[in-house]
């Protein structure tokens, strides 16, 4: 009587052997539920995600422009404490924007 393994394909065998060797044991997300599994399928999900990413990039560009305008003033400001306070505030804005960006799009923190 043929067993189930007699009918397994090459790919299925490679997957089974890799699983037996433990190659799938420490994958990212292992043991956690699949994200958005219970939500209703939205055929426009990719467009909505793209728009959200572009909004975040736009926020980053606006912040870069504000920094470009303000930084020269802060560097020559006589009151260093006020300048440092403003730099701290700008860096908080940088941190908030960077939370939603990929490493390639992140705004670098400000140093005087």
C-alpha atoms as a PDB file:
ATOM      1  CA  UNK A   1       0.000   0.000   0.000  1.00  0.00           C
ATOM      2  CA  UNK A   2       1.554   3.346  -1.022  1.00  0.00           C
ATOM      3  CA  UNK A   3       2.088   5.868   1.751  1.00  0.00           C
ATOM      4  CA  UNK A   4       1.479   9.600   1.634  1.00  0.00           C
ATOM      5  CA  UNK A   5       5.216  10.183   1.176  1.00  0.00           C
ATOM      6  CA  UNK A   6       5.149   8.207  -2.052  1.00  0.00           C
ATOM      7  CA  UNK A   7       3.015  10.934  -3.599  1.00  0.00           C
ATOM      8  CA  UNK A   8       4.795  13.972  -2.193  1.00  0.00           C
ATOM      9  CA  UNK A   9       6.238  16.338  -4.773  1.00  0.00           C
ATOM     10  CA  UNK A  10       9.820  17.531  -4.872  1.00  0.00           C
ATOM     11  CA  UNK A  11       8.830  20.916  -3.427  1.00  0.00           C
ATOM     12  CA  UNK A  12       6.707  19.364  -0.687  1.00  0.00           C
ATOM     13  CA  UNK A  13       9.613  17.078   0.242  1.00  0.00           C
ATOM     14  CA  UNK A  14      12.041  20.019   0.400  1.00  0.00           C
ATOM     15  CA  UNK A  15       9.617  21.953   2.617  1.00  0.00           C
ATOM     16  CA  UNK A  16       9.083  18.940   4.903  1.00  0.00           C
ATOM     17  CA  UNK A  17      12.835  18.339   5.199  1.00  0.00           C
ATOM     18  CA  UNK A  18      13.513  22.012   5.953  1.00  0.00           C
ATOM     19  CA  UNK A  19      10.804  21.957   8.636  1.00  0.00           C
ATOM     20  CA  UNK A  20      12.320  18.811  10.137  1.00  0.00           C
ATOM     21  CA  UNK A  21      15.711  20.561  10.266  1.00  0.00           C
ATOM     22  CA  UNK A  22      14.054  23.492  12.089  1.00  0.00           C
ATOM     23  CA  UNK A  23      14.649  26.086   9.384  1.00  0.00           C
ATOM     24  CA  UNK A  24      11.195  27.610   9.942  1.00  0.00           C
ATOM     25  CA  UNK A  25      11.381  27.725  13.743  1.00  0.00           C
ATOM     26  CA  UNK A  26      12.518  31.338  14.234  1.00  0.00           C
ATOM     27  CA  UNK A  27      10.754  33.190  11.453  1.00  0.00           C
ATOM     28  CA  UNK A  28       9.642  36.771  12.111  1.00  0.00           C
ATOM     29  CA  UNK A  29       6.040  36.803  13.282  1.00  0.00           C
ATOM     30  CA  UNK A  30       6.132  33.154  14.287  1.00  0.00           C
ATOM     31  CA  UNK A  31       3.479  32.339  16.867  1.00  0.00           C
ATOM     32  CA  UNK A  32       1.549  35.573  16.269  1.00  0.00           C
ATOM     33  CA  UNK A  33      -1.756  35.871  14.434  1.00  0.00           C
ATOM     34  CA  UNK A  34      -1.645  36.861  10.783  1.00  0.00           C
ATOM     35  CA  UNK A  35      -2.144  40.620  10.466  1.00  0.00           C
ATOM     36  CA  UNK A  36      -5.552  41.780   9.152  1.00  0.00           C
ATOM     37  CA  UNK A  37      -6.800  38.215   8.774  1.00  0.00           C
ATOM     38  CA  UNK A  38     -10.240  39.037  10.176  1.00  0.00           C
ATOM     39  CA  UNK A  39     -10.802  42.168   8.096  1.00  0.00           C
ATOM     40  CA  UNK A  40     -12.917  42.271   4.970  1.00  0.00           C
ATOM     41  CA  UNK A  41     -10.914  42.239   1.759  1.00  0.00           C
ATOM     42  CA  UNK A  42     -10.543  45.673   0.218  1.00  0.00           C
ATOM     43  CA  UNK A  43      -9.495  45.588  -3.453  1.00  0.00           C
ATOM     44  CA  UNK A  44      -8.075  49.098  -3.111  1.00  0.00           C
ATOM     45  CA  UNK A  45      -5.827  48.233  -0.135  1.00  0.00           C
ATOM     46  CA  UNK A  46      -2.656  48.866  -2.122  1.00  0.00           C
ATOM     47  CA  UNK A  47      -3.807  52.316  -3.293  1.00  0.00           C
ATOM     48  CA  UNK A  48      -4.802  53.324   0.235  1.00  0.00           C
ATOM     49  CA  UNK A  49      -1.466  52.123   1.622  1.00  0.00           C
ATOM     50  CA  UNK A  50       0.366  54.007  -1.138  1.00  0.00           C
ATOM     51  CA  UNK A  51      -1.549  57.214  -0.346  1.00  0.00           C
ATOM     52  CA  UNK A  52      -0.735  56.881   3.362  1.00  0.00           C
ATOM     53  CA  UNK A  53       2.957  56.373   2.592  1.00  0.00           C
ATOM     54  CA  UNK A  54       2.946  59.422   0.327  1.00  0.00           C
ATOM     55  CA  UNK A  55       1.270  61.498   3.060  1.00  0.00           C
ATOM     56  CA  UNK A  56       4.044  60.501   5.458  1.00  0.00           C
ATOM     57  CA  UNK A  57       6.702  61.355   2.876  1.00  0.00           C
ATOM     58  CA  UNK A  58       5.008  64.717   2.326  1.00  0.00           C
ATOM     59  CA  UNK A  59       5.081  65.385   6.088  1.00  0.00           C
ATOM     60  CA  UNK A  60       8.787  64.524   6.072  1.00  0.00           C
ATOM     61  CA  UNK A  61       9.437  66.880   3.147  1.00  0.00           C
ATOM     62  CA  UNK A  62       7.596  69.706   4.924  1.00  0.00           C
ATOM     63  CA  UNK A  63       9.673  69.110   8.041  1.00  0.00           C
ATOM     64  CA  UNK A  64      12.895  69.082   5.996  1.00  0.00           C
ATOM     65  CA  UNK A  65      11.914  72.448   4.465  1.00  0.00           C
ATOM     66  CA  UNK A  66      11.145  73.913   7.886  1.00  0.00           C
ATOM     67  CA  UNK A  67      14.485  72.698   9.216  1.00  0.00           C
ATOM     68  CA  UNK A  68      16.326  74.079   6.182  1.00  0.00           C
ATOM     69  CA  UNK A  69      14.778  77.524   6.830  1.00  0.00           C
ATOM     70  CA  UNK A  70      15.158  77.503  10.607  1.00  0.00           C
ATOM     71  CA  UNK A  71      18.554  75.849  11.106  1.00  0.00           C
ATOM     72  CA  UNK A  72      20.727  78.758   9.869  1.00  0.00           C
ATOM     73  CA  UNK A  73      18.872  81.089  12.250  1.00  0.00           C
ATOM     74  CA  UNK A  74      19.332  78.711  15.162  1.00  0.00           C
ATOM     75  CA  UNK A  75      23.075  78.399  14.511  1.00  0.00           C
ATOM     76  CA  UNK A  76      23.636  82.158  14.834  1.00  0.00           C
ATOM     77  CA  UNK A  77      21.150  82.751  17.641  1.00  0.00           C
ATOM     78  CA  UNK A  78      22.749  84.567  20.605  1.00  0.00           C
ATOM     79  CA  UNK A  79      20.588  82.831  23.208  1.00  0.00           C
ATOM     80  CA  UNK A  80      21.927  79.258  23.054  1.00  0.00           C
ATOM     81  CA  UNK A  81      19.350  77.969  25.558  1.00  0.00           C
ATOM     82  CA  UNK A  82      16.461  79.131  23.359  1.00  0.00           C
ATOM     83  CA  UNK A  83      18.151  77.621  20.304  1.00  0.00           C
ATOM     84  CA  UNK A  84      18.683  74.314  22.128  1.00  0.00           C
ATOM     85  CA  UNK A  85      15.026  74.274  23.223  1.00  0.00           C
ATOM     86  CA  UNK A  86      13.890  74.800  19.638  1.00  0.00           C
ATOM     87  CA  UNK A  87      16.272  72.094  18.365  1.00  0.00           C
ATOM     88  CA  UNK A  88      14.815  69.694  20.947  1.00  0.00           C
ATOM     89  CA  UNK A  89      11.298  70.531  19.748  1.00  0.00           C
ATOM     90  CA  UNK A  90      12.290  69.995  16.114  1.00  0.00           C
ATOM     91  CA  UNK A  91      13.950  66.682  17.003  1.00  0.00           C
ATOM     92  CA  UNK A  92      10.723  65.546  18.675  1.00  0.00           C
ATOM     93  CA  UNK A  93       8.940  66.330  15.405  1.00  0.00           C
ATOM     94  CA  UNK A  94      11.647  64.401  13.533  1.00  0.00           C
ATOM     95  CA  UNK A  95      11.119  61.387  15.802  1.00  0.00           C
ATOM     96  CA  UNK A  96       7.349  61.520  15.281  1.00  0.00           C
ATOM     97  CA  UNK A  97       7.694  61.675  11.489  1.00  0.00           C
ATOM     98  CA  UNK A  98      10.382  58.978  11.368  1.00  0.00           C
ATOM     99  CA  UNK A  99       8.143  56.468  13.161  1.00  0.00           C
ATOM    100  CA  UNK A 100       6.155  56.074   9.953  1.00  0.00           C
ATOM    101  CA  UNK A 101       8.984  56.106   7.409  1.00  0.00           C
ATOM    102  CA  UNK A 102      11.348  53.504   6.048  1.00  0.00           C
ATOM    103  CA  UNK A 103      15.018  53.859   6.873  1.00  0.00           C
ATOM    104  CA  UNK A 104      15.693  55.333   3.421  1.00  0.00           C
ATOM    105  CA  UNK A 105      13.145  58.136   3.873  1.00  0.00           C
ATOM    106  CA  UNK A 106      13.914  59.132   7.483  1.00  0.00           C
ATOM    107  CA  UNK A 107      14.778  62.701   8.431  1.00  0.00           C
ATOM    108  CA  UNK A 108      18.117  62.926  10.251  1.00  0.00           C
ATOM    109  CA  UNK A 109      18.078  64.470  13.737  1.00  0.00           C
ATOM    110  CA  UNK A 110      19.307  68.029  14.120  1.00  0.00           C
ATOM    111  CA  UNK A 111      22.632  68.899  15.733  1.00  0.00           C
ATOM    112  CA  UNK A 112      24.019  72.378  16.169  1.00  0.00           C
END
